[in-house]
Amino acid sequence: MRHPRSFALLTLALLAGCVSAPRESLDADANYALVFSSVRQPRPVILHSRLERYAKSLGPLQSAERNGEWEFELLVPCAWVDEVLPQFKPVPFDSWARRPTASWWTPTAADYDAYEMPYTSYPAAHLFVEKHPADPSRIHVFIQRH
């Protein structure tokens, strides 16, 4: 073999795999099902959503798609907040670094409390809950993972 180092690098690259370019989905119902499948509360009103999906490839083999970054704007009942909120901890509103660029992403420190789900094997998620909802059955929330 003439180039053992080149062969070793090629083998290592194939074993490490590659990540496909993210595919963005704006299908609100599908996005909600992919991100919040473990939430037992009925599906809330989805005002906006964005979800990136990607797959890893190892040579000719490709893994199933996985969730990447996502954002949602929802109207949820109090029970939805009660179920989801224990996974989060309160944080200062300006503590999150990666802000979505979508025109519909509009939480403000005056109107929303900020929470963060600490890092696990995923990047941190941030939740913004309306401070003073007029109707507790329709609490305005924004939630993201970046």
N, C-alpha and C. Protein backbone atom coordinates (compact mmCIF):
# COMPACT_ATOMS: atom_id res chain seq x y z
N MET A 1 0.86 -1.17 0.00
CA MET A 1 0.00 0.00 0.00
C MET A 1 0.90 1.22 0.00
N ARG A 2 0.67 2.12 -0.92
CA ARG A 2 1.53 3.28 -1.10
C ARG A 2 1.30 4.38 -0.07
N HIS A 3 0.04 4.62 0.26
CA HIS A 3 -0.28 5.75 1.12
C HIS A 3 -1.08 5.29 2.33
N PRO A 4 -0.43 4.66 3.29
CA PRO A 4 -1.18 4.17 4.46
C PRO A 4 -1.84 5.31 5.25
N ARG A 5 -1.21 6.47 5.29
CA ARG A 5 -1.79 7.59 6.02
C ARG A 5 -3.08 8.06 5.35
N SER A 6 -3.10 8.16 4.03
CA SER A 6 -4.30 8.56 3.29
C SER A 6 -5.41 7.55 3.49
N PHE A 7 -5.07 6.28 3.43
CA PHE A 7 -6.07 5.22 3.64
C PHE A 7 -6.64 5.31 5.05
N ALA A 8 -5.78 5.56 6.03
CA ALA A 8 -6.23 5.67 7.42
C ALA A 8 -7.16 6.87 7.59
N LEU A 9 -6.84 7.99 6.97
CA LEU A 9 -7.70 9.18 7.08
C LEU A 9 -9.05 8.96 6.41
N LEU A 10 -9.04 8.32 5.24
CA LEU A 10 -10.29 8.02 4.56
C LEU A 10 -11.15 7.07 5.38
N THR A 11 -10.55 6.05 5.95
CA THR A 11 -11.27 5.10 6.79
C THR A 11 -11.85 5.80 8.01
N LEU A 12 -11.08 6.65 8.63
CA LEU A 12 -11.55 7.40 9.80
C LEU A 12 -12.72 8.31 9.43
N ALA A 13 -12.64 8.97 8.29
CA ALA A 13 -13.73 9.85 7.85
C ALA A 13 -15.01 9.06 7.62
N LEU A 14 -14.91 7.89 7.01
CA LEU A 14 -16.08 7.06 6.77
C LEU A 14 -16.69 6.57 8.08
N LEU A 15 -15.83 6.20 9.02
CA LEU A 15 -16.33 5.71 10.30
C LEU A 15 -16.98 6.81 11.12
N ALA A 16 -16.44 8.03 11.05
CA ALA A 16 -17.00 9.15 11.80
C ALA A 16 -18.36 9.55 11.26
N GLY A 17 -18.55 9.41 9.98
CA GLY A 17 -19.83 9.76 9.37
C GLY A 17 -19.93 11.23 9.06
N CYS A 18 -20.95 11.59 8.35
CA CYS A 18 -21.22 12.97 7.96
C CYS A 18 -22.66 13.29 8.35
N VAL A 19 -22.88 14.55 8.59
CA VAL A 19 -24.24 15.01 8.91
C VAL A 19 -24.80 15.67 7.67
N SER A 20 -26.01 15.29 7.30
CA SER A 20 -26.66 15.88 6.13
C SER A 20 -27.00 17.34 6.42
N ALA A 21 -27.16 18.10 5.37
CA ALA A 21 -27.61 19.49 5.53
C ALA A 21 -28.99 19.47 6.17
N PRO A 22 -29.24 20.34 7.14
CA PRO A 22 -30.57 20.34 7.78
C PRO A 22 -31.67 20.61 6.77
N ARG A 23 -32.78 19.93 6.96
CA ARG A 23 -33.98 20.13 6.17
C ARG A 23 -34.98 20.84 7.07
N GLU A 24 -35.47 21.99 6.65
CA GLU A 24 -36.36 22.79 7.49
C GLU A 24 -37.82 22.45 7.20
N SER A 25 -38.60 22.27 8.26
CA SER A 25 -40.02 21.99 8.14
C SER A 25 -40.82 23.10 8.79
N LEU A 26 -41.85 23.56 8.10
CA LEU A 26 -42.78 24.54 8.65
C LEU A 26 -44.16 23.92 8.88
N ASP A 27 -44.26 22.60 8.79
CA ASP A 27 -45.52 21.87 9.01
C ASP A 27 -45.78 21.81 10.51
N ALA A 28 -46.65 22.67 10.99
CA ALA A 28 -46.86 22.85 12.42
C ALA A 28 -47.27 21.56 13.13
N ASP A 29 -48.20 20.81 12.58
CA ASP A 29 -48.67 19.59 13.23
C ASP A 29 -47.56 18.54 13.31
N ALA A 30 -46.84 18.34 12.21
CA ALA A 30 -45.75 17.37 12.20
C ALA A 30 -44.63 17.80 13.14
N ASN A 31 -44.30 19.09 13.14
CA ASN A 31 -43.24 19.59 14.01
C ASN A 31 -43.59 19.37 15.48
N TYR A 32 -44.82 19.69 15.86
CA TYR A 32 -45.23 19.53 17.25
C TYR A 32 -45.14 18.06 17.66
N ALA A 33 -45.61 17.17 16.81
CA ALA A 33 -45.56 15.73 17.12
C ALA A 33 -44.13 15.24 17.28
N LEU A 34 -43.20 15.76 16.50
CA LEU A 34 -41.80 15.33 16.57
C LEU A 34 -41.09 15.85 17.82
N VAL A 35 -41.47 17.03 18.29
CA VAL A 35 -40.78 17.63 19.43
C VAL A 35 -41.48 17.33 20.76
N PHE A 36 -42.79 17.34 20.79
CA PHE A 36 -43.53 17.24 22.05
C PHE A 36 -44.32 15.94 22.17
N SER A 37 -43.82 14.86 21.63
CA SER A 37 -44.54 13.58 21.68
C SER A 37 -44.74 13.08 23.11
N SER A 38 -43.89 13.48 24.05
CA SER A 38 -44.02 13.00 25.42
C SER A 38 -44.96 13.85 26.28
N VAL A 39 -45.38 15.00 25.78
CA VAL A 39 -46.29 15.85 26.54
C VAL A 39 -47.68 15.23 26.49
N ARG A 40 -48.26 14.99 27.68
CA ARG A 40 -49.55 14.30 27.76
C ARG A 40 -50.75 15.20 27.51
N GLN A 41 -50.56 16.49 27.64
CA GLN A 41 -51.68 17.44 27.46
C GLN A 41 -52.11 17.47 26.00
N PRO A 42 -53.37 17.80 25.75
CA PRO A 42 -53.83 17.92 24.35
C PRO A 42 -52.98 18.94 23.59
N ARG A 43 -52.92 18.74 22.30
CA ARG A 43 -52.14 19.62 21.44
C ARG A 43 -52.66 21.05 21.58
N PRO A 44 -51.77 22.01 21.81
CA PRO A 44 -52.21 23.40 21.93
C PRO A 44 -52.44 24.02 20.55
N VAL A 45 -52.81 25.28 20.54
CA VAL A 45 -52.91 26.03 19.29
C VAL A 45 -51.49 26.40 18.89
N ILE A 46 -51.09 25.98 17.70
CA ILE A 46 -49.74 26.27 17.21
C ILE A 46 -49.84 27.49 16.30
N LEU A 47 -49.26 28.60 16.75
CA LEU A 47 -49.31 29.82 15.95
C LEU A 47 -48.21 29.80 14.89
N HIS A 48 -47.01 29.37 15.29
CA HIS A 48 -45.87 29.29 14.36
C HIS A 48 -44.95 28.16 14.82
N SER A 49 -44.23 27.59 13.87
CA SER A 49 -43.21 26.61 14.22
C SER A 49 -42.17 26.54 13.13
N ARG A 50 -40.99 26.08 13.53
CA ARG A 50 -39.90 25.82 12.60
C ARG A 50 -39.08 24.70 13.22
N LEU A 51 -38.75 23.70 12.42
CA LEU A 51 -37.99 22.55 12.90
C LEU A 51 -36.99 22.14 11.84
N GLU A 52 -35.74 21.99 12.26
CA GLU A 52 -34.72 21.45 11.36
C GLU A 52 -34.57 19.97 11.63
N ARG A 53 -34.48 19.19 10.56
CA ARG A 53 -34.26 17.74 10.66
C ARG A 53 -32.97 17.41 9.94
N TYR A 54 -32.21 16.46 10.45
CA TYR A 54 -30.97 16.05 9.80
C TYR A 54 -30.77 14.57 10.01
N ALA A 55 -29.87 14.00 9.24
CA ALA A 55 -29.51 12.58 9.37
C ALA A 55 -27.99 12.47 9.32
N LYS A 56 -27.46 11.40 9.87
CA LYS A 56 -26.03 11.12 9.78
C LYS A 56 -25.84 10.00 8.78
N SER A 57 -24.76 10.11 8.03
CA SER A 57 -24.47 9.04 7.07
C SER A 57 -23.10 8.46 7.38
N LEU A 58 -23.01 7.17 7.20
CA LEU A 58 -21.78 6.43 7.40
C LEU A 58 -21.55 5.65 6.11
N GLY A 59 -20.81 6.27 5.21
CA GLY A 59 -20.63 5.66 3.90
C GLY A 59 -21.98 5.59 3.20
N PRO A 60 -22.38 4.42 2.74
CA PRO A 60 -23.66 4.30 2.04
C PRO A 60 -24.86 4.21 2.98
N LEU A 61 -24.62 4.07 4.27
CA LEU A 61 -25.71 3.94 5.24
C LEU A 61 -26.11 5.32 5.78
N GLN A 62 -27.40 5.51 6.01
CA GLN A 62 -27.88 6.77 6.56
C GLN A 62 -28.80 6.48 7.74
N SER A 63 -28.62 7.25 8.82
CA SER A 63 -29.46 7.07 10.00
C SER A 63 -30.83 7.69 9.76
N ALA A 64 -31.74 7.40 10.66
CA ALA A 64 -33.06 8.06 10.62
C ALA A 64 -32.86 9.54 10.90
N GLU A 65 -33.78 10.36 10.42
CA GLU A 65 -33.69 11.79 10.67
C GLU A 65 -33.88 12.08 12.16
N ARG A 66 -33.22 13.12 12.62
CA ARG A 66 -33.33 13.57 14.01
C ARG A 66 -33.67 15.05 14.03
N ASN A 67 -34.18 15.48 15.17
CA ASN A 67 -34.50 16.90 15.34
C ASN A 67 -33.22 17.69 15.55
N GLY A 68 -33.15 18.84 14.90
CA GLY A 68 -32.08 19.80 15.13
C GLY A 68 -32.64 20.97 15.90
N GLU A 69 -32.36 22.18 15.45
CA GLU A 69 -32.88 23.37 16.10
C GLU A 69 -34.37 23.52 15.81
N TRP A 70 -35.11 24.13 16.75
CA TRP A 70 -36.54 24.35 16.55
C TRP A 70 -37.03 25.53 17.36
N GLU A 71 -38.16 26.08 16.92
CA GLU A 71 -38.86 27.16 17.63
C GLU A 71 -40.36 26.96 17.47
N PHE A 72 -41.10 27.33 18.51
CA PHE A 72 -42.56 27.28 18.47
C PHE A 72 -43.13 28.51 19.16
N GLU A 73 -44.25 28.98 18.63
CA GLU A 73 -45.08 29.96 19.31
C GLU A 73 -46.43 29.27 19.51
N LEU A 74 -46.86 29.16 20.77
CA LEU A 74 -48.03 28.36 21.10
C LEU A 74 -48.99 29.12 22.01
N LEU A 75 -50.26 28.74 21.94
CA LEU A 75 -51.25 29.13 22.94
C LEU A 75 -51.61 27.84 23.67
N VAL A 76 -51.28 27.77 24.96
CA VAL A 76 -51.40 26.52 25.70
C VAL A 76 -52.28 26.71 26.94
N PRO A 77 -52.90 25.64 27.41
CA PRO A 77 -53.63 25.73 28.68
C PRO A 77 -52.65 25.70 29.85
N CYS A 78 -53.11 26.12 31.00
CA CYS A 78 -52.29 26.12 32.21
C CYS A 78 -51.72 24.73 32.48
N ALA A 79 -52.47 23.68 32.22
CA ALA A 79 -52.00 22.31 32.46
C ALA A 79 -50.78 21.97 31.61
N TRP A 80 -50.68 22.52 30.41
CA TRP A 80 -49.52 22.28 29.55
C TRP A 80 -48.28 22.89 30.20
N VAL A 81 -48.42 24.14 30.66
CA VAL A 81 -47.31 24.82 31.35
C VAL A 81 -46.93 24.04 32.59
N ASP A 82 -47.92 23.59 33.37
CA ASP A 82 -47.65 22.83 34.60
C ASP A 82 -46.89 21.54 34.31
N GLU A 83 -47.15 20.90 33.18
CA GLU A 83 -46.45 19.66 32.83
C GLU A 83 -45.04 19.92 32.33
N VAL A 84 -44.85 20.94 31.54
CA VAL A 84 -43.55 21.20 30.89
C VAL A 84 -42.59 21.97 31.80
N LEU A 85 -43.08 22.92 32.56
CA LEU A 85 -42.24 23.83 33.33
C LEU A 85 -41.30 23.16 34.33
N PRO A 86 -41.66 22.06 35.01
CA PRO A 86 -40.72 21.46 35.97
C PRO A 86 -39.38 21.02 35.37
N GLN A 87 -39.29 20.86 34.06
CA GLN A 87 -38.04 20.49 33.41
C GLN A 87 -37.11 21.69 33.23
N PHE A 88 -37.61 22.89 33.51
CA PHE A 88 -36.89 24.13 33.27
C PHE A 88 -36.55 24.82 34.58
N LYS A 89 -35.57 25.69 34.54
CA LYS A 89 -35.23 26.53 35.69
C LYS A 89 -35.34 27.99 35.27
N PRO A 90 -35.78 28.88 36.17
CA PRO A 90 -35.88 30.30 35.82
C PRO A 90 -34.49 30.87 35.53
N VAL A 91 -34.42 31.75 34.54
CA VAL A 91 -33.18 32.43 34.19
C VAL A 91 -33.49 33.88 33.88
N PRO A 92 -32.49 34.76 33.96
CA PRO A 92 -32.72 36.14 33.54
C PRO A 92 -33.12 36.17 32.06
N PHE A 93 -34.00 37.08 31.70
CA PHE A 93 -34.52 37.11 30.34
C PHE A 93 -33.40 37.23 29.30
N ASP A 94 -32.40 37.99 29.56
CA ASP A 94 -31.34 38.22 28.57
C ASP A 94 -30.21 37.19 28.62
N SER A 95 -30.40 36.07 29.31
CA SER A 95 -29.32 35.10 29.47
C SER A 95 -29.14 34.18 28.27
N TRP A 96 -30.06 34.17 27.35
CA TRP A 96 -29.97 33.27 26.20
C TRP A 96 -29.27 33.97 25.06
N ALA A 97 -28.38 33.25 24.41
CA ALA A 97 -27.50 33.86 23.41
C ALA A 97 -28.04 33.76 21.99
N ARG A 98 -28.61 32.64 21.62
CA ARG A 98 -29.01 32.44 20.22
C ARG A 98 -30.49 32.72 20.05
N ARG A 99 -30.78 33.89 19.54
CA ARG A 99 -32.16 34.30 19.34
C ARG A 99 -32.63 33.94 17.93
N PRO A 100 -33.83 33.40 17.81
CA PRO A 100 -34.36 33.12 16.48
C PRO A 100 -34.49 34.40 15.66
N THR A 101 -34.43 34.25 14.36
CA THR A 101 -34.55 35.40 13.47
C THR A 101 -35.94 35.53 12.86
N ALA A 102 -36.83 34.60 13.17
CA ALA A 102 -38.18 34.64 12.61
C ALA A 102 -38.91 35.91 13.05
N SER A 103 -39.65 36.51 12.14
CA SER A 103 -40.37 37.76 12.45
C SER A 103 -41.43 37.56 13.52
N TRP A 104 -41.92 36.33 13.68
CA TRP A 104 -42.96 36.06 14.68
C TRP A 104 -42.40 35.85 16.08
N TRP A 105 -41.08 35.76 16.25
CA TRP A 105 -40.48 35.51 17.56
C TRP A 105 -40.41 36.84 18.30
N THR A 106 -41.37 37.10 19.22
CA THR A 106 -41.49 38.43 19.82
C THR A 106 -41.59 38.47 21.35
N PRO A 107 -41.10 37.48 22.11
CA PRO A 107 -41.21 37.63 23.56
C PRO A 107 -40.34 38.79 24.06
N THR A 108 -40.84 39.47 25.09
CA THR A 108 -40.11 40.59 25.69
C THR A 108 -39.99 40.35 27.19
N ALA A 109 -39.00 40.97 27.80
CA ALA A 109 -38.79 40.83 29.25
C ALA A 109 -39.98 41.38 30.03
N ALA A 110 -40.65 42.37 29.50
CA ALA A 110 -41.79 42.97 30.20
C ALA A 110 -42.98 42.02 30.26
N ASP A 111 -43.14 41.17 29.24
CA ASP A 111 -44.34 40.35 29.13
C ASP A 111 -44.15 38.86 29.37
N TYR A 112 -42.90 38.38 29.42
CA TYR A 112 -42.65 36.94 29.52
C TYR A 112 -41.60 36.63 30.58
N ASP A 113 -41.81 35.53 31.30
CA ASP A 113 -40.80 34.98 32.20
C ASP A 113 -39.96 34.01 31.38
N ALA A 114 -38.65 34.00 31.63
CA ALA A 114 -37.73 33.15 30.87
C ALA A 114 -37.28 31.96 31.71
N TYR A 115 -37.16 30.81 31.03
CA TYR A 115 -36.72 29.57 31.66
C TYR A 115 -35.76 28.86 30.71
N GLU A 116 -34.88 28.06 31.30
CA GLU A 116 -33.94 27.28 30.50
C GLU A 116 -33.94 25.85 30.98
N MET A 117 -33.95 24.92 30.02
CA MET A 117 -33.75 23.52 30.35
C MET A 117 -32.24 23.30 30.29
N PRO A 118 -31.63 22.90 31.38
CA PRO A 118 -30.18 22.75 31.37
C PRO A 118 -29.73 21.77 30.29
N TYR A 119 -28.49 21.98 29.85
CA TYR A 119 -27.91 21.12 28.82
C TYR A 119 -27.92 19.66 29.26
N THR A 120 -28.27 18.80 28.33
CA THR A 120 -28.16 17.35 28.51
C THR A 120 -27.36 16.89 27.30
N SER A 121 -27.81 15.88 26.63
CA SER A 121 -27.15 15.48 25.40
C SER A 121 -27.56 16.40 24.24
N TYR A 122 -28.51 17.29 24.50
CA TYR A 122 -28.98 18.25 23.50
C TYR A 122 -28.56 19.65 23.93
N PRO A 123 -28.58 20.59 23.00
CA PRO A 123 -28.38 21.99 23.42
C PRO A 123 -29.53 22.40 24.34
N ALA A 124 -29.31 23.46 25.08
CA ALA A 124 -30.33 23.93 26.02
C ALA A 124 -31.59 24.38 25.28
N ALA A 125 -32.71 24.20 25.93
CA ALA A 125 -33.98 24.70 25.41
C ALA A 125 -34.37 25.90 26.27
N HIS A 126 -35.06 26.85 25.66
CA HIS A 126 -35.53 28.03 26.37
C HIS A 126 -37.04 28.14 26.20
N LEU A 127 -37.69 28.50 27.29
CA LEU A 127 -39.14 28.62 27.33
C LEU A 127 -39.47 30.02 27.85
N PHE A 128 -40.42 30.68 27.20
CA PHE A 128 -40.86 32.00 27.60
C PHE A 128 -42.37 31.93 27.80
N VAL A 129 -42.80 32.20 29.03
CA VAL A 129 -44.21 32.05 29.41
C VAL A 129 -44.78 33.42 29.70
N GLU A 130 -45.93 33.69 29.10
CA GLU A 130 -46.61 34.96 29.30
C GLU A 130 -46.84 35.20 30.80
N LYS A 131 -46.49 36.38 31.27
CA LYS A 131 -46.60 36.69 32.71
C LYS A 131 -48.04 36.87 33.18
N HIS A 132 -48.85 37.54 32.41
CA HIS A 132 -50.21 37.88 32.85
C HIS A 132 -51.22 37.54 31.76
N PRO A 133 -51.49 36.25 31.55
CA PRO A 133 -52.45 35.89 30.49
C PRO A 133 -53.86 36.33 30.89
N ALA A 134 -54.59 36.83 29.91
CA ALA A 134 -55.98 37.23 30.15
C ALA A 134 -56.85 36.00 30.36
N ASP A 135 -56.48 34.88 29.74
CA ASP A 135 -57.25 33.64 29.82
C ASP A 135 -56.28 32.50 30.14
N PRO A 136 -56.38 31.85 31.32
CA PRO A 136 -55.44 30.79 31.69
C PRO A 136 -55.54 29.54 30.81
N SER A 137 -56.56 29.49 29.97
CA SER A 137 -56.66 28.36 29.05
C SER A 137 -55.95 28.66 27.73
N ARG A 138 -55.40 29.88 27.61
CA ARG A 138 -54.69 30.28 26.38
C ARG A 138 -53.47 31.11 26.74
N ILE A 139 -52.50 30.49 27.37
CA ILE A 139 -51.27 31.17 27.77
C ILE A 139 -50.33 31.19 26.56
N HIS A 140 -49.82 32.36 26.27
CA HIS A 140 -48.93 32.54 25.12
C HIS A 140 -47.51 32.12 25.55
N VAL A 141 -46.92 31.16 24.84
CA VAL A 141 -45.56 30.74 25.14
C VAL A 141 -44.74 30.68 23.85
N PHE A 142 -43.46 30.90 24.03
CA PHE A 142 -42.46 30.69 22.98
C PHE A 142 -41.48 29.68 23.54
N ILE A 143 -41.07 28.74 22.73
CA ILE A 143 -40.12 27.73 23.18
C ILE A 143 -39.18 27.41 22.04
N GLN A 144 -37.90 27.23 22.35
CA GLN A 144 -36.90 26.98 21.33
C GLN A 144 -35.80 26.06 21.83
N ARG A 145 -35.12 25.44 20.88
CA ARG A 145 -33.86 24.74 21.18
C ARG A 145 -32.88 25.12 20.08
N HIS A 146 -31.73 25.66 20.50
CA HIS A 146 -30.68 26.05 19.57
C HIS A 146 -29.35 25.56 20.07
